Amino acid sequence: MHRTLPRRLIVTAAALLPAMAMAHPGQCGHGFVSGIAHPFTGIDHLLAMAAVGWWSATTQERRWWMVPLAFASCTLLGALIGLNGLLQLPASETMIALSLVVLGALLMGKLRLPTAAACGIAGTFALFHGYAHGVEMPACGMGEQWLAGMVTATALLHLGGALAGRLAARHADWARRLAGGVTVLTGVALLTGVISA
């Protein structure tokens, strides 16, 4: 019974993915509060940020905070690049979807990497997440307060993922595999067009 529960939950989550068809609802907002809310409205950003926190908290031990810090910093850097048109990052939406597959797989497999490598993977994908936000900022009239809110939300999602990871490690490690599986499935669904960004 207990062994089949995680499998049933993964199957149920996969069936629900088409219902989450809009990864970016396309709503513009202004100010710090709107910036905080934004990452929570896109399933791709939400899952990636939570996965980074969960994965780092369960594999990096004392330095777990370095991987989320790398992600949040590179998200800000990517947003500034996109906002100011400093560089063109090609296929950003594809890279965001791919980040879910990779981060979900790392979480599901509880793969331990050297801290520098883990920061490098998280930071690289974060550039594309941030870039996608930065590119849309001028069209929506988003400013510095919005950007500060978005980065704050990124940190909160990392902390939430880390807390979930620590609790699950003590009481229900199967939840890690479930969370990783849902993240991978969402990434695959985005890559194959089952859901759209």
Protein backbone atom coordinates (compact mmCIF):
# COMPACT_ATOMS: atom_id res chain seq x y z
CA MET A 1 0.00 0.00 0.00
CA HIS A 2 2.66 2.52 1.07
CA ARG A 3 4.92 1.51 -1.81
CA THR A 4 2.27 2.22 -4.43
CA LEU A 5 1.21 5.59 -2.98
CA PRO A 6 4.12 7.60 -4.47
CA ARG A 7 3.52 6.00 -7.89
CA ARG A 8 -0.17 6.83 -7.74
CA LEU A 9 0.60 10.42 -6.77
CA ILE A 10 3.04 10.81 -9.68
CA VAL A 11 0.47 9.41 -12.12
CA THR A 12 -2.17 11.78 -10.73
CA ALA A 13 0.19 14.75 -11.01
CA ALA A 14 0.98 13.82 -14.62
CA ALA A 15 -2.73 13.73 -15.42
CA LEU A 16 -3.18 17.20 -13.93
CA LEU A 17 -0.37 18.83 -15.91
CA PRO A 18 -2.55 19.89 -18.88
CA ALA A 19 -4.73 21.82 -16.43
CA MET A 20 -1.71 23.98 -15.60
CA ALA A 21 -1.38 25.05 -19.22
CA MET A 22 -0.33 28.63 -18.62
CA ALA A 23 3.13 28.85 -17.14
CA HIS A 24 3.08 32.61 -17.63
CA PRO A 25 -0.40 34.06 -17.31
CA GLY A 26 0.74 37.23 -19.05
CA GLN A 27 -0.49 39.56 -16.33
CA CYS A 28 1.49 42.74 -15.84
CA GLY A 29 1.90 44.21 -12.40
CA HIS A 30 3.79 47.02 -10.72
CA GLY A 31 5.58 47.46 -7.42
CA PHE A 32 7.22 45.24 -4.85
CA VAL A 33 4.14 43.15 -4.03
CA SER A 34 3.49 42.35 -7.70
CA GLY A 35 7.13 41.34 -8.04
CA ILE A 36 6.81 38.95 -5.12
CA ALA A 37 3.65 37.45 -6.58
CA HIS A 38 5.06 36.94 -10.08
CA PRO A 39 7.17 33.77 -9.61
CA PHE A 40 4.24 32.12 -7.88
CA THR A 41 2.07 32.58 -10.99
CA GLY A 42 4.36 30.62 -13.33
CA ILE A 43 4.62 26.89 -12.71
CA ASP A 44 8.01 26.73 -14.45
CA HIS A 45 9.67 29.33 -12.23
CA LEU A 46 7.93 28.10 -9.09
CA LEU A 47 9.00 24.47 -9.52
CA ALA A 48 12.58 25.32 -10.52
CA MET A 49 13.13 27.57 -7.51
CA ALA A 50 11.55 25.14 -5.05
CA ALA A 51 13.54 22.26 -6.56
CA VAL A 52 16.82 24.14 -6.13
CA GLY A 53 16.08 24.74 -2.45
CA TRP A 54 14.96 21.15 -1.84
CA TRP A 55 17.86 19.57 -3.73
CA SER A 56 20.51 21.74 -2.08
CA ALA A 57 19.07 21.25 1.41
CA THR A 58 19.22 17.47 1.05
CA THR A 59 22.61 17.15 -0.67
CA GLN A 60 24.81 20.10 0.34
CA GLU A 61 24.60 19.80 4.14
CA ARG A 62 26.21 22.87 5.80
CA ARG A 63 26.66 24.87 2.60
CA TRP A 64 23.16 24.23 1.27
CA TRP A 65 22.45 27.99 1.09
CA MET A 66 25.17 28.57 -1.51
CA VAL A 67 23.23 26.94 -4.35
CA PRO A 68 20.05 29.01 -3.78
CA LEU A 69 22.23 32.11 -3.42
CA ALA A 70 23.84 31.36 -6.79
CA PHE A 71 20.40 30.89 -8.35
CA ALA A 72 18.95 34.10 -6.89
CA SER A 73 22.05 36.13 -7.85
CA CYS A 74 22.08 34.83 -11.40
CA THR A 75 18.31 35.38 -11.68
CA LEU A 76 18.94 39.04 -10.87
CA LEU A 77 21.85 39.17 -13.33
CA GLY A 78 19.75 37.57 -16.06
CA ALA A 79 16.90 40.00 -15.42
CA LEU A 80 19.28 42.97 -15.75
CA ILE A 81 20.70 41.51 -18.98
CA GLY A 82 17.21 41.09 -20.42
CA LEU A 83 15.99 44.46 -19.18
CA ASN A 84 18.91 46.41 -20.64
CA GLY A 85 19.34 44.33 -23.80
CA LEU A 86 22.99 43.68 -22.96
CA LEU A 87 22.96 40.20 -24.54
CA GLN A 88 20.59 37.97 -26.44
CA LEU A 89 20.12 34.65 -24.70
CA PRO A 90 18.70 32.34 -27.38
CA ALA A 91 16.03 29.74 -26.68
CA SER A 92 15.41 31.04 -23.17
CA GLU A 93 12.03 29.32 -22.83
CA THR A 94 13.56 26.01 -23.96
CA MET A 95 16.33 26.40 -21.40
CA ILE A 96 13.79 27.17 -18.68
CA ALA A 97 11.87 23.99 -19.54
CA LEU A 98 15.13 22.03 -19.67
CA SER A 99 16.03 23.39 -16.23
CA LEU A 100 12.96 21.66 -14.81
CA VAL A 101 14.02 18.34 -16.33
CA VAL A 102 17.58 18.62 -15.02
CA LEU A 103 16.78 20.05 -11.58
CA GLY A 104 13.90 17.60 -11.14
CA ALA A 105 16.16 14.69 -12.03
CA LEU A 106 18.86 15.89 -9.62
CA LEU A 107 16.25 16.16 -6.88
CA MET A 108 14.63 12.81 -7.67
CA GLY A 109 18.01 11.05 -7.71
CA LYS A 110 19.33 12.98 -4.70
CA LEU A 111 22.53 13.46 -6.67
CA ARG A 112 25.34 14.95 -4.61
CA LEU A 113 27.66 17.26 -6.53
CA PRO A 114 30.55 19.44 -5.40
CA THR A 115 29.20 22.80 -4.26
CA ALA A 116 30.88 24.66 -7.13
CA ALA A 117 29.32 22.34 -9.72
CA ALA A 118 25.89 22.57 -8.10
CA CYS A 119 26.14 26.38 -8.03
CA GLY A 120 27.25 26.37 -11.67
CA ILE A 121 24.27 24.31 -12.81
CA ALA A 122 21.77 26.32 -10.78
CA GLY A 123 23.32 29.64 -11.79
CA THR A 124 23.37 28.82 -15.50
CA PHE A 125 19.68 27.96 -15.56
CA ALA A 126 18.87 30.95 -13.35
CA LEU A 127 20.31 33.30 -15.98
CA PHE A 128 17.59 32.15 -18.39
CA HIS A 129 14.84 32.39 -15.76
CA GLY A 130 15.93 35.93 -14.93
CA TYR A 131 16.37 36.87 -18.58
CA ALA A 132 12.76 35.88 -19.34
CA HIS A 133 11.60 38.19 -16.55
CA GLY A 134 13.87 41.03 -17.64
CA VAL A 135 12.73 40.95 -21.26
CA GLU A 136 9.07 41.30 -20.26
CA MET A 137 9.68 44.13 -17.78
CA PRO A 138 9.72 47.11 -20.20
CA ALA A 139 6.49 46.07 -21.93
CA CYS A 140 4.72 45.87 -18.59
CA GLY A 141 6.26 49.01 -17.12
CA MET A 142 7.90 47.05 -14.30
CA GLY A 143 10.56 48.88 -12.33
CA GLU A 144 13.21 48.38 -9.67
CA GLN A 145 10.70 47.67 -6.90
CA TRP A 146 9.10 44.92 -8.98
CA LEU A 147 12.53 43.40 -9.64
CA ALA A 148 13.37 43.51 -5.92
CA GLY A 149 10.10 41.75 -5.15
CA MET A 150 10.77 39.09 -7.76
CA VAL A 151 14.22 38.33 -6.33
CA THR A 152 12.73 38.25 -2.82
CA ALA A 153 10.14 35.72 -3.99
CA THR A 154 12.91 33.64 -5.53
CA ALA A 155 14.64 33.48 -2.15
CA LEU A 156 11.36 32.62 -0.40
CA LEU A 157 10.72 29.76 -2.82
CA HIS A 158 14.25 28.46 -2.21
CA LEU A 159 13.66 28.58 1.54
CA GLY A 160 10.29 26.86 1.17
CA GLY A 161 11.85 24.12 -0.92
CA ALA A 162 14.69 23.71 1.56
CA LEU A 163 12.26 23.43 4.47
CA ALA A 164 10.16 20.86 2.60
CA GLY A 165 13.32 18.93 1.80
CA ARG A 166 14.49 18.82 5.40
CA LEU A 167 11.06 17.75 6.68
CA ALA A 168 10.64 15.12 3.98
CA ALA A 169 14.11 13.70 4.64
CA ARG A 170 13.07 13.02 8.23
CA HIS A 171 9.53 11.80 7.74
CA ALA A 172 8.68 10.99 4.11
CA ASP A 173 11.62 10.72 1.73
CA TRP A 174 9.29 9.45 -1.01
CA ALA A 175 8.01 13.05 -1.23
CA ARG A 176 11.41 14.03 -2.67
CA ARG A 177 10.98 11.53 -5.50
CA LEU A 178 7.44 12.75 -6.07
CA ALA A 179 8.49 16.42 -6.16
CA GLY A 180 11.36 15.61 -8.49
CA GLY A 181 9.11 13.53 -10.73
CA VAL A 182 6.48 16.26 -11.00
CA THR A 183 9.20 18.79 -11.83
CA VAL A 184 10.65 16.55 -14.56
CA LEU A 185 7.20 15.83 -16.02
CA THR A 186 6.38 19.54 -16.12
CA GLY A 187 9.64 20.25 -17.93
CA VAL A 188 8.95 17.52 -20.47
CA ALA A 189 5.40 18.82 -20.95
CA LEU A 190 6.79 22.30 -21.65
CA LEU A 191 9.43 20.97 -24.04
CA THR A 192 6.91 18.91 -25.99
CA GLY A 193 4.22 21.59 -26.05
CA VAL A 194 1.70 19.73 -23.89
CA ILE A 195 1.59 22.89 -21.80
CA SER A 196 2.74 26.32 -22.92
CA ALA A 197 4.89 28.96 -21.29
